[in-house]
Amino acid sequence: MAAITTLLERVRPVLFAESLGGTESLVTYPLVQTHGSIPGPMLDKLGIDERLLRLSVGLENAEDLIADLEQAIG
């Protein structure tokens, strides 16, 4: 989970949010955001664990997004 926290702290153009309803790129952490209230056995069945991030790509320049994710991953 430390790697996930580090990545979420480092992303710049990519926002850490559930949904802003806009055209921005977003990264979500389903385990604690959108699926936080789902019981463990159901999370297992759905394949949602502490390693899963969801990336929704917006309208930003693709090279900028790639560079941001590369620097965030380290």
N, C-alpha and C. Protein backbone atom coordinates (compact mmCIF):
# COMPACT_ATOMS: atom_id res chain seq x y z
N MET A 1 0.82 -1.18 0.00
CA MET A 1 0.00 0.00 0.00
C MET A 1 0.87 1.26 0.00
N ALA A 2 2.06 1.19 0.50
CA ALA A 2 2.96 2.35 0.52
C ALA A 2 3.25 2.82 -0.90
N ALA A 3 3.41 1.89 -1.83
CA ALA A 3 3.68 2.26 -3.22
C ALA A 3 2.49 3.00 -3.82
N ILE A 4 1.28 2.58 -3.49
CA ILE A 4 0.08 3.24 -3.98
C ILE A 4 0.01 4.66 -3.43
N THR A 5 0.23 4.80 -2.13
CA THR A 5 0.19 6.12 -1.50
C THR A 5 1.21 7.05 -2.13
N THR A 6 2.42 6.57 -2.36
CA THR A 6 3.47 7.37 -2.98
C THR A 6 3.05 7.82 -4.37
N LEU A 7 2.54 6.90 -5.18
CA LEU A 7 2.11 7.25 -6.53
C LEU A 7 1.01 8.30 -6.48
N LEU A 8 0.03 8.15 -5.61
CA LEU A 8 -1.07 9.11 -5.53
C LEU A 8 -0.61 10.49 -5.08
N GLU A 9 0.44 10.53 -4.27
CA GLU A 9 0.99 11.82 -3.83
C GLU A 9 1.80 12.50 -4.93
N ARG A 10 2.33 11.72 -5.87
CA ARG A 10 3.24 12.26 -6.89
C ARG A 10 2.57 12.68 -8.18
N VAL A 11 1.39 12.16 -8.50
CA VAL A 11 0.78 12.51 -9.78
C VAL A 11 0.44 13.99 -9.80
N ARG A 12 0.63 14.62 -10.96
CA ARG A 12 0.40 16.06 -11.08
C ARG A 12 -0.78 16.36 -11.99
N PRO A 13 -0.64 16.20 -13.33
CA PRO A 13 -1.81 16.50 -14.15
C PRO A 13 -2.95 15.51 -13.90
N VAL A 14 -2.60 14.29 -13.50
CA VAL A 14 -3.62 13.29 -13.22
C VAL A 14 -4.12 13.54 -11.81
N LEU A 15 -5.41 13.75 -11.66
CA LEU A 15 -6.00 14.05 -10.37
C LEU A 15 -6.40 12.79 -9.63
N PHE A 16 -6.26 12.79 -8.30
CA PHE A 16 -6.73 11.69 -7.47
C PHE A 16 -8.12 12.07 -6.99
N ALA A 17 -9.13 11.48 -7.62
CA ALA A 17 -10.51 11.81 -7.29
C ALA A 17 -11.43 10.70 -7.78
N GLU A 18 -12.63 10.64 -7.20
CA GLU A 18 -13.59 9.64 -7.66
C GLU A 18 -14.15 10.03 -9.01
N SER A 19 -14.68 11.24 -9.13
CA SER A 19 -15.18 11.74 -10.41
C SER A 19 -15.46 13.21 -10.26
N LEU A 20 -15.00 13.95 -11.22
CA LEU A 20 -15.29 15.37 -11.24
C LEU A 20 -16.27 15.71 -12.36
N GLY A 21 -16.64 14.70 -13.12
CA GLY A 21 -17.58 14.90 -14.21
C GLY A 21 -17.04 15.75 -15.34
N GLY A 22 -15.73 15.86 -15.44
CA GLY A 22 -15.12 16.69 -16.46
C GLY A 22 -14.28 15.89 -17.42
N THR A 23 -13.32 16.56 -18.01
CA THR A 23 -12.48 15.93 -19.02
C THR A 23 -11.05 15.70 -18.54
N GLU A 24 -10.83 15.85 -17.23
CA GLU A 24 -9.50 15.65 -16.67
C GLU A 24 -9.21 14.17 -16.47
N SER A 25 -7.93 13.82 -16.56
CA SER A 25 -7.52 12.46 -16.24
C SER A 25 -7.61 12.27 -14.73
N LEU A 26 -8.12 11.11 -14.34
CA LEU A 26 -8.30 10.81 -12.92
C LEU A 26 -7.70 9.46 -12.59
N VAL A 27 -7.22 9.32 -11.37
CA VAL A 27 -6.81 8.02 -10.86
C VAL A 27 -7.61 7.79 -9.58
N THR A 28 -8.18 6.61 -9.47
CA THR A 28 -8.94 6.28 -8.26
C THR A 28 -8.36 5.03 -7.62
N TYR A 29 -8.64 4.90 -6.35
CA TYR A 29 -8.20 3.74 -5.57
C TYR A 29 -9.47 3.05 -5.07
N PRO A 30 -10.04 2.17 -5.89
CA PRO A 30 -11.35 1.59 -5.60
C PRO A 30 -11.49 0.97 -4.21
N LEU A 31 -10.44 0.38 -3.69
CA LEU A 31 -10.53 -0.30 -2.39
C LEU A 31 -11.03 0.64 -1.29
N VAL A 32 -10.63 1.89 -1.34
CA VAL A 32 -11.03 2.82 -0.28
C VAL A 32 -11.98 3.90 -0.77
N GLN A 33 -12.19 4.01 -2.07
CA GLN A 33 -13.09 5.04 -2.58
C GLN A 33 -14.42 4.42 -3.00
N THR A 34 -14.52 4.01 -4.22
CA THR A 34 -15.79 3.56 -4.78
C THR A 34 -16.30 2.23 -4.24
N HIS A 35 -15.42 1.38 -3.75
CA HIS A 35 -15.82 0.05 -3.28
C HIS A 35 -15.49 -0.16 -1.80
N GLY A 36 -15.30 0.90 -1.06
CA GLY A 36 -14.89 0.82 0.34
C GLY A 36 -15.88 0.13 1.26
N SER A 37 -17.16 0.10 0.90
CA SER A 37 -18.16 -0.50 1.77
C SER A 37 -18.52 -1.94 1.40
N ILE A 38 -17.85 -2.47 0.39
CA ILE A 38 -18.14 -3.83 -0.07
C ILE A 38 -17.39 -4.83 0.81
N PRO A 39 -18.06 -5.89 1.27
CA PRO A 39 -17.40 -6.90 2.12
C PRO A 39 -16.23 -7.59 1.40
N GLY A 40 -15.23 -7.99 2.18
CA GLY A 40 -14.02 -8.61 1.66
C GLY A 40 -14.23 -9.74 0.67
N PRO A 41 -15.10 -10.71 0.97
CA PRO A 41 -15.29 -11.81 0.01
C PRO A 41 -15.78 -11.34 -1.36
N MET A 42 -16.62 -10.31 -1.39
CA MET A 42 -17.10 -9.79 -2.67
C MET A 42 -15.98 -9.04 -3.39
N LEU A 43 -15.15 -8.32 -2.64
CA LEU A 43 -13.99 -7.64 -3.25
C LEU A 43 -13.08 -8.67 -3.90
N ASP A 44 -12.85 -9.78 -3.20
CA ASP A 44 -12.02 -10.85 -3.76
C ASP A 44 -12.61 -11.37 -5.07
N LYS A 45 -13.91 -11.59 -5.06
CA LYS A 45 -14.60 -12.10 -6.25
C LYS A 45 -14.48 -11.12 -7.42
N LEU A 46 -14.53 -9.83 -7.10
CA LEU A 46 -14.43 -8.80 -8.14
C LEU A 46 -13.00 -8.50 -8.56
N GLY A 47 -12.02 -9.04 -7.82
CA GLY A 47 -10.62 -8.78 -8.15
C GLY A 47 -10.12 -7.43 -7.68
N ILE A 48 -10.78 -6.87 -6.67
CA ILE A 48 -10.39 -5.56 -6.16
C ILE A 48 -9.56 -5.76 -4.90
N ASP A 49 -8.29 -5.35 -4.97
CA ASP A 49 -7.41 -5.49 -3.81
C ASP A 49 -6.56 -4.23 -3.66
N GLU A 50 -5.62 -4.27 -2.74
CA GLU A 50 -4.81 -3.09 -2.41
C GLU A 50 -3.87 -2.68 -3.54
N ARG A 51 -3.75 -3.48 -4.59
CA ARG A 51 -2.86 -3.15 -5.70
C ARG A 51 -3.57 -2.51 -6.89
N LEU A 52 -4.90 -2.44 -6.83
CA LEU A 52 -5.67 -1.96 -7.98
C LEU A 52 -5.87 -0.46 -7.97
N LEU A 53 -5.48 0.17 -9.05
CA LEU A 53 -5.79 1.57 -9.31
C LEU A 53 -6.58 1.63 -10.60
N ARG A 54 -7.43 2.62 -10.72
CA ARG A 54 -8.20 2.81 -11.96
C ARG A 54 -7.78 4.15 -12.55
N LEU A 55 -7.36 4.12 -13.79
CA LEU A 55 -6.94 5.33 -14.49
C LEU A 55 -7.98 5.66 -15.56
N SER A 56 -8.53 6.83 -15.49
CA SER A 56 -9.46 7.33 -16.49
C SER A 56 -8.74 8.45 -17.23
N VAL A 57 -8.47 8.23 -18.50
CA VAL A 57 -7.67 9.18 -19.28
C VAL A 57 -8.57 10.26 -19.87
N GLY A 58 -8.16 11.50 -19.66
CA GLY A 58 -8.92 12.66 -20.14
C GLY A 58 -8.35 13.20 -21.44
N LEU A 59 -8.46 14.50 -21.59
CA LEU A 59 -8.08 15.15 -22.84
C LEU A 59 -6.69 15.77 -22.84
N GLU A 60 -5.94 15.56 -21.77
CA GLU A 60 -4.59 16.14 -21.72
C GLU A 60 -3.69 15.51 -22.78
N ASN A 61 -2.59 16.16 -23.03
CA ASN A 61 -1.60 15.64 -23.97
C ASN A 61 -1.10 14.28 -23.48
N ALA A 62 -1.12 13.29 -24.36
CA ALA A 62 -0.74 11.93 -24.00
C ALA A 62 0.69 11.86 -23.46
N GLU A 63 1.61 12.59 -24.08
CA GLU A 63 3.00 12.57 -23.62
C GLU A 63 3.13 13.15 -22.23
N ASP A 64 2.33 14.18 -21.91
CA ASP A 64 2.36 14.76 -20.57
C ASP A 64 1.86 13.75 -19.53
N LEU A 65 0.80 13.03 -19.89
CA LEU A 65 0.25 12.03 -18.96
C LEU A 65 1.24 10.89 -18.72
N ILE A 66 1.86 10.42 -19.79
CA ILE A 66 2.84 9.35 -19.67
C ILE A 66 4.02 9.80 -18.79
N ALA A 67 4.51 11.00 -19.04
CA ALA A 67 5.62 11.52 -18.26
C ALA A 67 5.23 11.65 -16.79
N ASP A 68 4.02 12.10 -16.52
CA ASP A 68 3.56 12.24 -15.15
C ASP A 68 3.49 10.89 -14.45
N LEU A 69 2.93 9.91 -15.12
CA LEU A 69 2.83 8.58 -14.50
C LEU A 69 4.21 7.96 -14.30
N GLU A 70 5.11 8.16 -15.25
CA GLU A 70 6.47 7.63 -15.10
C GLU A 70 7.18 8.25 -13.90
N GLN A 71 7.05 9.56 -13.72
CA GLN A 71 7.71 10.20 -12.57
C GLN A 71 7.04 9.79 -11.27
N ALA A 72 5.74 9.55 -11.30
CA ALA A 72 5.03 9.16 -10.09
C ALA A 72 5.40 7.74 -9.65
N ILE A 73 5.58 6.86 -10.63
CA ILE A 73 5.95 5.48 -10.34
C ILE A 73 7.38 5.41 -9.84
N GLY A 74 8.21 6.33 -10.35
CA GLY A 74 9.59 6.41 -9.90
C GLY A 74 10.43 5.46 -10.62
